[in-house]
Amino acid sequence: MKKTITPNGHKLTGVFCSIFGHHYVVSKQVTQHIKEYRCIHCQKRVTTNENGKLSVLTPQMQEINQTLEDMYQKRKRRHAGEVALPPQVA
């Protein structure tokens, strides 16, 4: 029997998700508060939006998340370099 795969995963697992709901796992941590998730059954991808709710990961949202991740990493590196040593007592 030929396996049928859709862009969002297998058809049978898609039916499973429509009945029982998705089982999301974190696929990428963009920042401390924004993450990308993927359903382990149907491979549907979602992300957290500005309200903290899950929304479908569109190409536009992917681009926004990539920009946020770049800004977050630059800021994190900059603050890591600014850590000052405690003053020494003479």
Protein backbone atom coordinates (compact mmCIF):
# COMPACT_ATOMS: atom_id res chain seq x y z
CA MET A 1 0.00 0.00 0.00
CA LYS A 2 1.32 3.43 -0.95
CA LYS A 3 1.88 5.86 1.92
CA THR A 4 0.18 9.20 1.45
CA ILE A 5 2.02 12.15 2.92
CA THR A 6 0.56 15.64 2.94
CA PRO A 7 2.57 18.83 3.56
CA ASN A 8 1.36 18.68 7.16
CA GLY A 9 2.23 15.02 7.73
CA HIS A 10 0.46 11.69 7.24
CA LYS A 11 -3.29 11.65 6.59
CA LEU A 12 -4.00 9.02 9.25
CA THR A 13 -2.17 10.93 11.94
CA GLY A 14 -4.00 14.07 10.81
CA VAL A 15 -7.25 12.27 11.54
CA PHE A 16 -5.85 11.24 14.93
CA CYS A 17 -5.07 14.90 15.71
CA SER A 18 -8.50 16.09 14.57
CA ILE A 19 -10.14 13.63 16.97
CA PHE A 20 -7.81 13.72 20.00
CA GLY A 21 -5.95 17.00 19.51
CA HIS A 22 -2.33 17.77 18.71
CA HIS A 23 0.69 16.72 20.77
CA TYR A 24 3.10 19.63 20.42
CA VAL A 25 6.76 19.56 21.39
CA VAL A 26 9.17 22.49 21.29
CA SER A 27 11.08 22.44 18.01
CA LYS A 28 12.89 25.76 18.43
CA GLN A 29 13.29 28.25 21.24
CA VAL A 30 13.34 31.73 19.69
CA THR A 31 13.56 33.72 22.95
CA GLN A 32 12.76 32.95 26.55
CA HIS A 33 9.08 33.61 25.88
CA ILE A 34 8.63 32.72 22.20
CA LYS A 35 8.94 29.14 21.00
CA GLU A 36 8.10 27.20 17.87
CA TYR A 37 6.25 23.91 18.28
CA ARG A 38 5.66 20.88 16.05
CA CYS A 39 3.00 18.19 16.45
CA ILE A 40 4.65 14.79 16.73
CA HIS A 41 1.79 13.14 14.85
CA CYS A 42 0.89 15.38 11.90
CA GLN A 43 3.95 17.71 11.83
CA LYS A 44 1.79 20.85 12.08
CA ARG A 45 3.95 23.82 13.09
CA VAL A 46 2.77 26.60 15.40
CA THR A 47 4.38 29.42 17.36
CA THR A 48 3.45 31.66 20.25
CA ASN A 49 2.13 35.05 19.18
CA GLU A 50 2.34 38.43 20.93
CA ASN A 51 -0.50 37.43 23.29
CA GLY A 52 1.12 34.13 24.28
CA LYS A 53 -1.42 32.08 22.31
CA LEU A 54 -0.52 29.45 19.72
CA SER A 55 -0.89 30.47 16.09
CA VAL A 56 -0.05 28.76 12.80
CA LEU A 57 3.58 29.25 11.75
CA THR A 58 3.29 31.12 8.46
CA PRO A 59 6.31 32.23 6.40
CA GLN A 60 5.74 35.76 7.73
CA MET A 61 5.77 34.51 11.35
CA GLN A 62 8.91 32.48 10.60
CA GLU A 63 10.65 35.61 9.36
CA ILE A 64 9.55 37.56 12.43
CA ASN A 65 10.78 34.79 14.72
CA GLN A 66 14.14 34.65 12.91
CA THR A 67 14.58 38.43 13.32
CA LEU A 68 13.64 38.22 17.00
CA GLU A 69 16.08 35.36 17.52
CA ASP A 70 18.91 37.33 15.87
CA MET A 71 18.18 40.40 18.01
CA TYR A 72 17.92 38.27 21.17
CA GLN A 73 21.25 36.51 20.47
CA LYS A 74 23.05 39.83 19.78
CA ARG A 75 21.68 41.33 22.97
CA LYS A 76 22.62 38.23 24.95
CA ARG A 77 26.21 38.34 23.61
CA ARG A 78 26.50 42.07 24.33
CA HIS A 79 25.32 41.66 27.93
CA ALA A 80 27.62 38.69 28.47
CA GLY A 81 30.60 40.90 27.55
CA GLU A 82 29.51 43.65 29.94
CA VAL A 83 29.67 41.52 33.05
CA ALA A 84 32.02 43.45 35.28
CA LEU A 85 34.38 41.96 37.82
CA PRO A 86 33.73 42.94 41.44
CA PRO A 87 35.95 45.79 42.71
CA GLN A 88 39.11 44.63 44.42
CA VAL A 89 39.91 45.82 47.91
CA ALA A 90 43.42 47.25 48.26
